[in-house]
């Protein structure tokens, strides 16, 4: 994945709130069908918007948010490697 394509949020609390809203809305959309009918499926739209597409993308973003600045990927001559960033690399 390139640096320009990231699913990470600006902070871990913000990402976790998006997850709570997304999973809550998706669960509510199904659980509320017997109570308010098919109109409850509109909550699924809220869940998808909170996830910015899909729960898998949210999970990838969670991993990226947690590892931001701690893990670096570098590729050269067709060989890519992932390594832990050191303090003198200029990253946090």
Protein backbone atom coordinates (compact mmCIF):
# COMPACT_ATOMS: atom_id res chain seq x y z
CA UNK A 1 0.00 0.00 0.00
CA UNK A 2 1.37 3.37 -0.90
CA UNK A 3 1.65 6.29 1.49
CA UNK A 4 -1.08 8.16 -0.41
CA UNK A 5 -3.60 5.33 0.20
CA UNK A 6 -4.32 5.17 3.91
CA UNK A 7 -7.38 4.12 5.87
CA UNK A 8 -5.99 5.54 9.13
CA UNK A 9 -7.69 8.25 11.15
CA UNK A 10 -5.96 11.25 12.63
CA UNK A 11 -6.25 9.78 16.14
CA UNK A 12 -7.04 6.45 17.79
CA UNK A 13 -10.04 7.76 19.80
CA UNK A 14 -11.57 9.20 16.61
CA UNK A 15 -11.11 5.87 14.83
CA UNK A 16 -12.64 3.93 17.72
CA UNK A 17 -15.66 6.26 17.80
CA UNK A 18 -16.17 5.63 14.08
CA UNK A 19 -16.10 1.90 14.83
CA UNK A 20 -18.64 2.15 17.66
CA UNK A 21 -20.96 4.24 15.49
CA UNK A 22 -20.51 1.94 12.50
CA UNK A 23 -21.01 -1.36 14.29
CA UNK A 24 -23.83 0.07 16.40
CA UNK A 25 -25.66 1.39 13.35
CA UNK A 26 -25.26 -1.88 11.43
CA UNK A 27 -26.44 -3.97 14.40
CA UNK A 28 -29.30 -1.57 15.06
CA UNK A 29 -30.40 -1.63 11.44
CA UNK A 30 -30.97 -5.39 11.65
CA UNK A 31 -32.18 -5.58 15.28
CA UNK A 32 -34.81 -2.87 14.82
CA UNK A 33 -36.51 -4.47 11.79
CA UNK A 34 -39.18 -6.18 13.94
CA UNK A 35 -39.85 -2.95 15.84
CA UNK A 36 -39.94 -0.24 13.16
CA UNK A 37 -39.82 -2.27 9.96
CA UNK A 38 -37.62 -1.93 6.90
CA UNK A 39 -37.11 1.79 7.54
CA UNK A 40 -34.53 0.71 10.16
CA UNK A 41 -32.29 -0.37 7.28
CA UNK A 42 -31.49 3.32 6.80
CA UNK A 43 -29.17 2.88 9.79
CA UNK A 44 -27.07 0.62 7.57
CA UNK A 45 -26.26 3.70 5.47
CA UNK A 46 -25.03 5.46 8.63
CA UNK A 47 -22.87 2.42 9.43
CA UNK A 48 -21.33 2.32 5.98
CA UNK A 49 -20.60 6.05 6.11
CA UNK A 50 -18.97 5.67 9.54
CA UNK A 51 -16.77 2.88 8.19
CA UNK A 52 -15.97 4.93 5.05
CA UNK A 53 -17.02 1.97 2.94
CA UNK A 54 -16.70 -1.33 4.75
CA UNK A 55 -15.85 -2.87 8.13
CA UNK A 56 -12.72 -4.46 6.64
CA UNK A 57 -11.44 -1.05 5.55
CA UNK A 58 -12.12 0.19 9.08
CA UNK A 59 -10.11 -2.71 10.56
CA UNK A 60 -7.20 -2.00 8.20
CA UNK A 61 -7.40 1.65 9.22
CA UNK A 62 -7.31 0.66 12.89
CA UNK A 63 -4.08 -1.25 12.32
CA UNK A 64 -2.65 1.69 10.37
CA UNK A 65 -3.71 4.17 13.05
CA UNK A 66 -2.09 2.10 15.79
CA UNK A 67 1.13 1.51 13.85
CA UNK A 68 1.44 5.02 12.36
CA UNK A 69 5.00 6.20 12.80
CA UNK A 70 6.13 2.95 14.39
CA UNK A 71 6.37 0.77 11.31
CA UNK A 72 7.88 1.80 7.99
CA UNK A 73 7.70 0.09 4.64
CA UNK A 74 10.41 0.61 2.08
CA UNK A 75 10.83 -0.84 -1.38
CA UNK A 76 13.88 -0.83 -3.60
CA UNK A 77 14.83 -2.91 -6.62
CA UNK A 78 11.55 -4.82 -6.43
CA UNK A 79 12.12 -5.94 -2.84
CA UNK A 80 9.94 -4.54 -0.07
CA UNK A 81 10.53 -4.77 3.64
CA UNK A 82 8.71 -3.67 6.77
CA UNK A 83 10.73 -2.53 9.74
CA UNK A 84 10.29 -0.77 13.05
CA UNK A 85 11.15 2.91 12.75
CA UNK A 86 14.03 4.09 14.85
CA UNK A 87 14.15 7.39 16.73
CA UNK A 88 16.79 8.89 14.41
CA UNK A 89 14.60 8.32 11.28
CA UNK A 90 12.69 11.50 12.08
CA UNK A 91 9.41 9.69 12.68
CA UNK A 92 7.31 9.45 15.82
